[in-house]
Amino acid sequence: MSAPLLMVCSSFLFATMGVCVKLASAHYGAGEIVMYRGLVGMLGLALVARGRGVALGTRVPGMHAWRGAVGVMALTFWFYAIGRLPLATAVTLNYMSSVWMALFLIGGAVLVGAQRVDPRLVVTVLIGFCGVALVLKPTIARDQLLPGIVGVASGMLSAMAYLQVTTLGRVGEPEIRVVFYFSLGSFLAGIALGFAGGWHGHTLGGLLLLLGCGVFATTAQVLMTRAYAIGRTLSNASLNYLGIAFSFVYGVFLFDDPLTWPALSGMALIVASGLAATRLRARTLGKEAQDSLPPPSDP
């Protein structure tokens, strides 16, 4: 299967996972969903690692623990936002991670005393946040400001987790091992959150939704990883934003999410700024450094 087709399938499966999360949020807390998503992913990746002969033992457990803590927080925030916001809105806010990456790059340049910060990156970040303002405008009007802020935070934390995955890749940790330990961390953190927030009883429908969250997310991750291994980074990043379009269609037809021009315009600005940030970051880091980055994914 070609890289573009892999990315289309991956984006569709991530959007479908979002549907499962939103439906499951009516029966379970965000912590419980994170736990079951981690359990399914952990078991599935253990089988994949065994089939590929990838050892799960690691020399850098501390790095995995730190990546897991940030990633689990990002995932929990995202699932919380999905349960309380229009699906496309929550997904779009999480996809702000590329814009946050550009902001981190600007901050790093300032901290190291760089004489010049690329003004195009600054403009890209500003456009991205203008998009957020447009996306959240109808949300604030419906007294859903807190879920909106949590959704924005999920994108920022996802960017931080992406940086940590990059570091793990540079010390030789394979992607399967990284995602396995993240899934393990999700499972353990979900148990803790479940005890804090209370447990809910199961129904057949609820169990199927939880299973779908894990299966769709894990399969999408594998497809995306393969696409980045054989395809071009910028092309894959562009197709990754199809997840917003799929989520938008799901939201309109399954959840009667409202169609508003400010929200649509905001989504377009966020996608444009994300793509621009990806291109500019590639030029700033250099082709070799960019090619060494792992694929962006769910937190």
Protein backbone atom coordinates (compact mmCIF):
# COMPACT_ATOMS: atom_id res chain seq x y z
CA MET A 1 0.00 0.00 0.00
CA SER A 2 1.38 3.46 -0.94
CA ALA A 3 2.22 6.10 1.67
CA PRO A 4 -0.63 8.47 0.66
CA LEU A 5 -3.20 5.68 0.91
CA LEU A 6 -1.77 4.61 4.26
CA MET A 7 -2.14 8.18 5.54
CA VAL A 8 -5.73 8.47 4.30
CA CYS A 9 -6.63 5.21 6.04
CA SER A 10 -4.80 6.28 9.19
CA SER A 11 -6.59 9.65 9.32
CA PHE A 12 -9.94 7.96 8.80
CA LEU A 13 -9.27 5.47 11.61
CA PHE A 14 -8.16 8.21 14.02
CA ALA A 15 -11.38 10.10 13.25
CA THR A 16 -13.39 6.90 13.80
CA MET A 17 -11.61 6.46 17.13
CA GLY A 18 -12.83 9.96 18.00
CA VAL A 19 -16.41 8.85 17.31
CA CYS A 20 -15.95 5.89 19.65
CA VAL A 21 -14.50 8.16 22.33
CA LYS A 22 -17.38 10.63 22.03
CA LEU A 23 -20.00 7.88 22.24
CA ALA A 24 -18.17 6.13 25.09
CA SER A 25 -18.00 9.43 27.02
CA ALA A 26 -21.73 9.08 27.68
CA HIS A 27 -21.00 5.91 29.70
CA TYR A 28 -17.43 6.27 31.00
CA GLY A 29 -15.09 8.91 32.37
CA ALA A 30 -12.08 10.12 30.37
CA GLY A 31 -9.73 8.18 32.68
CA GLU A 32 -11.56 4.91 32.07
CA ILE A 33 -11.43 5.40 28.30
CA VAL A 34 -7.70 6.16 28.51
CA MET A 35 -7.17 2.98 30.53
CA TYR A 36 -8.95 0.70 28.06
CA ARG A 37 -7.36 2.41 25.08
CA GLY A 38 -3.97 1.79 26.70
CA LEU A 39 -4.80 -1.84 27.49
CA VAL A 40 -5.83 -2.67 23.93
CA GLY A 41 -2.85 -0.81 22.47
CA MET A 42 -0.41 -2.47 24.89
CA LEU A 43 -1.61 -5.99 24.06
CA GLY A 44 -1.75 -5.30 20.32
CA LEU A 45 1.73 -3.77 20.19
CA ALA A 46 3.19 -6.59 22.28
CA LEU A 47 1.98 -9.00 19.59
CA VAL A 48 3.36 -6.78 16.81
CA ALA A 49 6.71 -6.49 18.60
CA ARG A 50 6.87 -10.26 19.02
CA GLY A 51 6.07 -10.81 15.35
CA ARG A 52 8.76 -8.35 14.24
CA GLY A 53 11.32 -9.51 16.75
CA VAL A 54 11.49 -6.15 18.55
CA ALA A 55 12.61 -6.46 22.17
CA LEU A 56 10.52 -4.45 24.65
CA GLY A 57 13.30 -4.07 27.21
CA THR A 58 14.70 -0.54 27.38
CA ARG A 59 17.86 1.17 28.62
CA VAL A 60 16.08 4.50 29.20
CA PRO A 61 13.05 3.84 31.43
CA GLY A 62 13.14 7.37 32.83
CA MET A 63 12.74 8.90 29.38
CA HIS A 64 9.79 6.62 28.66
CA ALA A 65 8.23 7.54 32.00
CA TRP A 66 8.50 11.27 31.28
CA ARG A 67 7.16 10.87 27.72
CA GLY A 68 4.34 8.73 29.09
CA ALA A 69 3.36 11.27 31.75
CA VAL A 70 3.07 14.11 29.23
CA GLY A 71 1.45 11.93 26.58
CA VAL A 72 -1.15 10.48 28.95
CA MET A 73 -2.07 13.96 30.14
CA ALA A 74 -2.47 15.09 26.53
CA LEU A 75 -4.58 12.04 25.70
CA THR A 76 -6.81 12.49 28.76
CA PHE A 77 -7.35 16.17 27.97
CA TRP A 78 -8.16 15.29 24.35
CA PHE A 79 -10.69 12.63 25.30
CA TYR A 80 -12.30 15.04 27.79
CA ALA A 81 -12.61 17.67 25.04
CA ILE A 82 -14.02 15.15 22.55
CA GLY A 83 -16.74 14.21 25.02
CA ARG A 84 -17.86 17.83 25.53
CA LEU A 85 -17.16 19.68 22.29
CA PRO A 86 -18.23 19.16 18.68
CA LEU A 87 -16.03 16.35 17.38
CA ALA A 88 -14.31 18.37 14.65
CA THR A 89 -13.61 21.20 17.12
CA ALA A 90 -11.88 18.89 19.61
CA VAL A 91 -9.86 17.17 16.87
CA THR A 92 -8.82 20.50 15.32
CA LEU A 93 -7.61 21.89 18.65
CA ASN A 94 -5.47 18.78 19.18
CA TYR A 95 -4.03 19.18 15.66
CA MET A 96 -2.65 22.55 16.82
CA SER A 97 0.44 20.59 17.90
CA SER A 98 2.34 21.64 14.76
CA VAL A 99 1.71 25.30 15.58
CA TRP A 100 2.84 24.75 19.18
CA MET A 101 6.00 23.13 17.80
CA ALA A 102 6.69 26.30 15.83
CA LEU A 103 6.15 28.37 18.97
CA PHE A 104 8.58 26.15 20.90
CA LEU A 105 11.10 26.60 18.09
CA ILE A 106 10.76 30.39 18.38
CA GLY A 107 11.12 30.21 22.16
CA GLY A 108 14.22 28.04 21.85
CA ALA A 109 15.79 30.50 19.43
CA VAL A 110 15.14 33.35 21.87
CA LEU A 111 16.56 31.42 24.84
CA VAL A 112 19.81 30.55 23.05
CA GLY A 113 20.22 34.17 22.02
CA ALA A 114 19.64 33.82 18.31
CA GLN A 115 20.01 37.17 16.63
CA ARG A 116 17.10 36.60 14.29
CA VAL A 117 13.85 34.69 14.60
CA ASP A 118 12.23 33.66 11.33
CA PRO A 119 9.30 36.11 11.00
CA ARG A 120 7.39 33.58 8.92
CA LEU A 121 7.23 31.26 11.93
CA VAL A 122 5.87 34.10 14.05
CA VAL A 123 3.18 34.84 11.47
CA THR A 124 2.34 31.13 11.27
CA VAL A 125 1.82 30.94 15.03
CA LEU A 126 -0.35 34.06 15.04
CA ILE A 127 -2.51 32.70 12.20
CA GLY A 128 -2.90 29.44 14.11
CA PHE A 129 -4.13 31.20 17.22
CA CYS A 130 -6.50 33.35 15.17
CA GLY A 131 -7.92 30.06 13.93
CA VAL A 132 -8.34 28.85 17.51
CA ALA A 133 -10.22 32.04 18.39
CA LEU A 134 -12.60 31.51 15.47
CA VAL A 135 -13.12 27.83 16.31
CA LEU A 136 -13.84 28.57 19.97
CA LYS A 137 -16.10 31.57 19.40
CA PRO A 138 -19.31 29.51 19.09
CA THR A 139 -18.03 27.21 21.83
CA ILE A 140 -17.67 30.04 24.35
CA ALA A 141 -21.20 31.19 23.49
CA ARG A 142 -22.49 27.78 24.65
CA ASP A 143 -20.70 27.99 28.01
CA GLN A 144 -18.12 25.40 27.01
CA LEU A 145 -15.05 27.53 27.60
CA LEU A 146 -13.39 25.02 29.94
CA PRO A 147 -13.50 22.08 27.47
CA GLY A 148 -12.18 24.47 24.80
CA ILE A 149 -9.21 25.47 26.95
CA VAL A 150 -8.57 21.81 27.77
CA GLY A 151 -8.63 21.02 24.04
CA VAL A 152 -6.04 23.74 23.35
CA ALA A 153 -3.90 22.36 26.19
CA SER A 154 -4.10 18.87 24.67
CA GLY A 155 -2.50 20.20 21.48
CA MET A 156 0.29 21.88 23.43
CA LEU A 157 1.00 18.75 25.46
CA SER A 158 0.92 16.65 22.27
CA ALA A 159 3.66 18.86 20.85
CA MET A 160 5.73 18.33 24.00
CA ALA A 161 5.19 14.57 23.76
CA TYR A 162 6.25 14.68 20.09
CA LEU A 163 9.51 16.35 21.08
CA GLN A 164 10.13 13.61 23.64
CA VAL A 165 9.40 10.90 21.05
CA THR A 166 11.98 12.60 18.83
CA THR A 167 14.55 12.38 21.62
CA LEU A 168 13.76 8.71 22.21
CA GLY A 169 14.18 8.02 18.51
CA ARG A 170 17.59 9.67 18.51
CA VAL A 171 18.82 7.42 21.34
CA GLY A 172 17.82 4.37 19.32
CA GLU A 173 14.40 3.46 20.71
CA PRO A 174 12.18 1.92 17.98
CA GLU A 175 8.71 3.37 17.48
CA ILE A 176 6.95 0.17 18.56
CA ARG A 177 8.74 0.21 21.92
CA VAL A 178 7.99 3.90 22.44
CA VAL A 179 4.27 3.47 21.74
CA PHE A 180 4.14 0.28 23.81
CA TYR A 181 5.42 2.05 26.92
CA PHE A 182 3.08 4.95 26.24
CA SER A 183 0.19 2.47 26.10
CA LEU A 184 1.40 0.90 29.33
CA GLY A 185 1.52 4.34 30.94
CA SER A 186 -2.00 5.07 29.67
CA PHE A 187 -3.25 1.84 31.21
CA LEU A 188 -1.68 2.54 34.62
CA ALA A 189 -2.70 6.21 34.68
CA GLY A 190 -6.22 5.27 33.60
CA ILE A 191 -6.51 2.91 36.56
CA ALA A 192 -5.53 5.73 38.91
CA LEU A 193 -7.94 8.16 37.27
CA GLY A 194 -10.66 5.53 37.39
CA PHE A 195 -10.28 5.12 41.15
CA ALA A 196 -10.33 8.90 41.55
CA GLY A 197 -13.38 9.48 39.37
CA GLY A 198 -15.27 6.25 40.00
CA TRP A 199 -15.94 3.20 37.87
CA HIS A 200 -18.94 2.62 35.65
CA GLY A 201 -20.68 -0.63 34.82
CA HIS A 202 -20.38 -2.21 31.39
CA THR A 203 -22.87 -2.94 28.66
CA LEU A 204 -22.16 -4.80 25.44
CA GLY A 205 -22.35 -1.54 23.51
CA GLY A 206 -19.99 0.17 25.94
CA LEU A 207 -17.44 -2.63 25.73
CA LEU A 208 -17.52 -2.53 21.93
CA LEU A 209 -16.92 1.23 21.98
CA LEU A 210 -13.94 0.81 24.32
CA LEU A 211 -12.56 -1.95 22.13
CA GLY A 212 -13.03 0.25 19.08
CA CYS A 213 -11.09 3.11 20.72
CA GLY A 214 -8.07 0.87 21.21
CA VAL A 215 -8.22 -1.08 17.95
CA PHE A 216 -8.79 1.94 15.70
CA ALA A 217 -6.10 4.02 17.43
CA THR A 218 -3.50 1.24 17.39
CA THR A 219 -4.17 0.28 13.77
CA ALA A 220 -4.04 3.93 12.72
CA GLN A 221 -0.72 4.32 14.54
CA VAL A 222 0.80 1.34 12.73
CA LEU A 223 -0.41 2.59 9.33
CA MET A 224 0.90 6.09 10.00
CA THR A 225 4.27 4.79 11.13
CA ARG A 226 4.59 2.78 7.93
CA ALA A 227 3.58 5.78 5.82
CA TYR A 228 6.29 7.96 7.37
CA ALA A 229 8.83 5.19 6.86
CA ILE A 230 8.24 4.99 3.10
CA GLY A 231 6.77 8.40 2.20
CA ARG A 232 7.66 12.08 2.28
CA THR A 233 7.29 13.91 5.59
CA LEU A 234 5.51 17.00 4.26
CA SER A 235 3.11 15.02 2.06
CA ASN A 236 2.21 12.76 4.96
CA ALA A 237 1.73 15.73 7.28
CA SER A 238 -0.61 17.30 4.74
CA LEU A 239 -2.73 14.17 4.42
CA ASN A 240 -2.79 13.81 8.20
CA TYR A 241 -5.11 16.85 8.34
CA LEU A 242 -7.78 14.81 6.55
CA GLY A 243 -8.61 13.65 10.08
CA ILE A 244 -10.26 17.04 10.65
CA ALA A 245 -12.39 16.65 7.52
CA PHE A 246 -13.43 13.11 8.48
CA SER A 247 -14.27 14.28 12.00
CA PHE A 248 -16.28 17.17 10.61
CA VAL A 249 -18.40 14.82 8.47
CA TYR A 250 -18.88 12.45 11.41
CA GLY A 251 -19.89 15.34 13.65
CA VAL A 252 -22.47 16.72 11.25
CA PHE A 253 -24.14 13.41 10.38
CA LEU A 254 -23.84 11.51 13.68
CA PHE A 255 -23.99 14.23 16.34
CA ASP A 256 -25.80 17.11 14.57
CA ASP A 257 -22.85 19.41 15.21
CA PRO A 258 -23.65 22.94 13.99
CA LEU A 259 -22.22 24.34 10.77
CA THR A 260 -20.85 27.86 11.35
CA TRP A 261 -18.66 29.95 9.07
CA PRO A 262 -16.40 31.16 11.92
CA ALA A 263 -15.68 27.57 12.95
CA LEU A 264 -15.04 26.46 9.35
CA SER A 265 -12.79 29.47 8.75
CA GLY A 266 -10.91 28.77 11.99
CA MET A 267 -10.32 25.15 11.00
CA ALA A 268 -8.99 26.27 7.63
CA LEU A 269 -6.59 28.71 9.31
CA ILE A 270 -5.35 26.05 11.73
CA VAL A 271 -4.75 23.55 8.91
CA ALA A 272 -2.95 26.18 6.82
CA SER A 273 -0.79 27.31 9.74
CA GLY A 274 0.00 23.70 10.68
CA LEU A 275 1.16 22.89 7.17
CA ALA A 276 3.19 26.10 6.99
CA ALA A 277 4.76 25.37 10.36
CA THR A 278 5.72 21.87 9.21
CA ARG A 279 7.37 23.23 6.05
CA LEU A 280 9.20 26.03 7.85
CA ARG A 281 10.33 23.72 10.65
CA ALA A 282 11.76 21.35 8.04
CA ARG A 283 13.76 24.20 6.51
CA THR A 284 14.92 25.43 9.91
CA LEU A 285 16.04 22.05 11.19
CA GLY A 286 17.45 20.92 7.87
CA LYS A 287 16.32 18.00 5.74
CA GLU A 288 18.40 15.39 7.56
CA ALA A 289 17.11 16.39 10.98
CA GLN A 290 13.52 16.57 9.76
CA ASP A 291 13.67 13.13 8.18
CA SER A 292 14.82 11.70 11.51
CA LEU A 293 11.67 12.90 13.26
CA PRO A 294 9.09 10.22 14.06
CA PRO A 295 5.56 10.57 12.72
CA PRO A 296 3.17 12.81 14.65
CA SER A 297 0.36 10.80 16.13
CA ASP A 298 -2.27 10.82 18.78
CA PRO A 299 -0.55 11.87 22.03
